[in-house]
C-alpha atoms as a PDB file:
ATOM      1  CA  UNK A   1     -96.747  59.954 -17.295  1.00  0.00           C
ATOM      2  CA  UNK A   2     -94.759  59.385 -13.818  1.00  0.00           C
ATOM      3  CA  UNK A   3     -96.334  61.106 -10.371  1.00  0.00           C
ATOM      4  CA  UNK A   4     -93.808  62.065  -7.586  1.00  0.00           C
ATOM      5  CA  UNK A   5     -96.659  61.667  -4.724  1.00  0.00           C
ATOM      6  CA  UNK A   6     -93.944  63.300  -2.153  1.00  0.00           C
ATOM      7  CA  UNK A   7     -93.731  66.310  -3.945  1.00  0.00           C
ATOM      8  CA  UNK A   8     -97.411  66.289  -4.575  1.00  0.00           C
ATOM      9  CA  UNK A   9     -98.293  66.145  -1.219  1.00  0.00           C
ATOM     10  CA  UNK A  10     -95.523  68.730  -0.186  1.00  0.00           C
ATOM     11  CA  UNK A  11     -97.100  71.080  -2.454  1.00  0.00           C
ATOM     12  CA  UNK A  12    -100.810  70.814  -0.627  1.00  0.00           C
ATOM     13  CA  UNK A  13     -98.703  71.933   2.844  1.00  0.00           C
ATOM     14  CA  UNK A  14     -98.459  75.552   3.734  1.00  0.00           C
ATOM     15  CA  UNK A  15     -94.765  77.058   3.299  1.00  0.00           C
ATOM     16  CA  UNK A  16     -92.889  78.265   6.629  1.00  0.00           C
ATOM     17  CA  UNK A  17     -93.275  82.081   6.632  1.00  0.00           C
ATOM     18  CA  UNK A  18     -89.656  84.103   6.560  1.00  0.00           C
ATOM     19  CA  UNK A  19     -89.284  86.635   8.957  1.00  0.00           C
ATOM     20  CA  UNK A  20     -87.275  89.742  10.046  1.00  0.00           C
ATOM     21  CA  UNK A  21     -85.975  89.284  13.644  1.00  0.00           C
ATOM     22  CA  UNK A  22     -82.533  91.633  14.925  1.00  0.00           C
ATOM     23  CA  UNK A  23     -80.281  89.547  16.474  1.00  0.00           C
ATOM     24  CA  UNK A  24     -79.943  89.939  20.018  1.00  0.00           C
ATOM     25  CA  UNK A  25     -76.896  87.858  21.103  1.00  0.00           C
ATOM     26  CA  UNK A  26     -75.010  84.799  19.387  1.00  0.00           C
ATOM     27  CA  UNK A  27     -73.963  81.416  21.027  1.00  0.00           C
ATOM     28  CA  UNK A  28     -71.252  80.304  18.627  1.00  0.00           C
ATOM     29  CA  UNK A  29     -70.262  77.298  21.223  1.00  0.00           C
ATOM     30  CA  UNK A  30     -73.941  75.855  20.655  1.00  0.00           C
ATOM     31  CA  UNK A  31     -74.230  77.182  16.906  1.00  0.00           C
ATOM     32  CA  UNK A  32     -77.688  79.101  17.889  1.00  0.00           C
ATOM     33  CA  UNK A  33     -78.426  82.592  18.082  1.00  0.00           C
ATOM     34  CA  UNK A  34     -81.183  84.446  20.119  1.00  0.00           C
ATOM     35  CA  UNK A  35     -83.287  86.376  18.191  1.00  0.00           C
ATOM     36  CA  UNK A  36     -86.633  89.178  18.745  1.00  0.00           C
ATOM     37  CA  UNK A  37     -89.027  89.744  16.343  1.00  0.00           C
ATOM     38  CA  UNK A  38     -91.036  92.760  16.118  1.00  0.00           C
ATOM     39  CA  UNK A  39     -93.391  93.339  19.278  1.00  0.00           C
ATOM     40  CA  UNK A  40     -90.806  92.090  21.819  1.00  0.00           C
ATOM     41  CA  UNK A  41     -90.902  88.637  21.350  1.00  0.00           C
ATOM     42  CA  UNK A  42     -87.913  86.512  21.674  1.00  0.00           C
ATOM     43  CA  UNK A  43     -86.883  82.994  19.800  1.00  0.00           C
ATOM     44  CA  UNK A  44     -83.615  80.749  19.402  1.00  0.00           C
ATOM     45  CA  UNK A  45     -82.674  80.079  16.014  1.00  0.00           C
ATOM     46  CA  UNK A  46     -79.644  78.346  14.778  1.00  0.00           C
ATOM     47  CA  UNK A  47     -76.703  80.154  12.598  1.00  0.00           C
ATOM     48  CA  UNK A  48     -74.364  82.069  13.972  1.00  0.00           C
ATOM     49  CA  UNK A  49     -73.144  83.565  10.661  1.00  0.00           C
ATOM     50  CA  UNK A  50     -74.587  87.132  11.937  1.00  0.00           C
ATOM     51  CA  UNK A  51     -73.499  89.823  14.388  1.00  0.00           C
ATOM     52  CA  UNK A  52     -76.207  90.900  17.183  1.00  0.00           C
ATOM     53  CA  UNK A  53     -77.659  93.696  16.620  1.00  0.00           C
ATOM     54  CA  UNK A  54     -78.312  92.959  12.893  1.00  0.00           C
ATOM     55  CA  UNK A  55     -81.004  91.863  11.020  1.00  0.00           C
ATOM     56  CA  UNK A  56     -81.842  88.736   9.863  1.00  0.00           C
ATOM     57  CA  UNK A  57     -84.200  86.613   7.515  1.00  0.00           C
ATOM     58  CA  UNK A  58     -85.707  83.621   9.724  1.00  0.00           C
ATOM     59  CA  UNK A  59     -87.574  80.362   9.089  1.00  0.00           C
ATOM     60  CA  UNK A  60     -88.052  77.086  10.563  1.00  0.00           C
ATOM     61  CA  UNK A  61     -86.063  78.252  13.254  1.00  0.00           C
ATOM     62  CA  UNK A  62     -83.176  78.775  11.235  1.00  0.00           C
ATOM     63  CA  UNK A  63     -81.154  81.815  10.074  1.00  0.00           C
ATOM     64  CA  UNK A  64     -81.015  82.352   6.473  1.00  0.00           C
ATOM     65  CA  UNK A  65     -79.142  84.883   5.933  1.00  0.00           C
ATOM     66  CA  UNK A  66     -78.554  88.684   6.801  1.00  0.00           C
ATOM     67  CA  UNK A  67     -81.660  91.252   5.920  1.00  0.00           C
ATOM     68  CA  UNK A  68     -80.887  94.993   5.093  1.00  0.00           C
ATOM     69  CA  UNK A  69     -81.311  97.228   7.796  1.00  0.00           C
ATOM     70  CA  UNK A  70     -84.625  99.184   6.919  1.00  0.00           C
ATOM     71  CA  UNK A  71     -87.226 101.105   8.331  1.00  0.00           C
ATOM     72  CA  UNK A  72     -90.606  99.990   8.403  1.00  0.00           C
ATOM     73  CA  UNK A  73     -93.389 101.632   7.644  1.00  0.00           C
ATOM     74  CA  UNK A  74     -96.535 101.400   9.156  1.00  0.00           C
ATOM     75  CA  UNK A  75    -100.152 102.857   6.728  1.00  0.00           C
ATOM     76  CA  UNK A  76    -103.345 102.746   7.881  1.00  0.00           C
ATOM     77  CA  UNK A  77    -105.757 102.564   4.837  1.00  0.00           C
END
């Protein structure tokens, strides 16, 4: 039985979360965008394929794609 030790190590490490943010501005010459997360924190991330004002999925500082424009609802239990 062959074991890939690197794969086994990666499975032990936690995965980066997939976050939803709003694109504030796009800098195509730098290949980056500024996004804003719920709660008003901002971050410069890699990726310019989504227009300003759109919702995006962000993981590890990279835009993974456009997110659907849905309304967030908070339910207290």
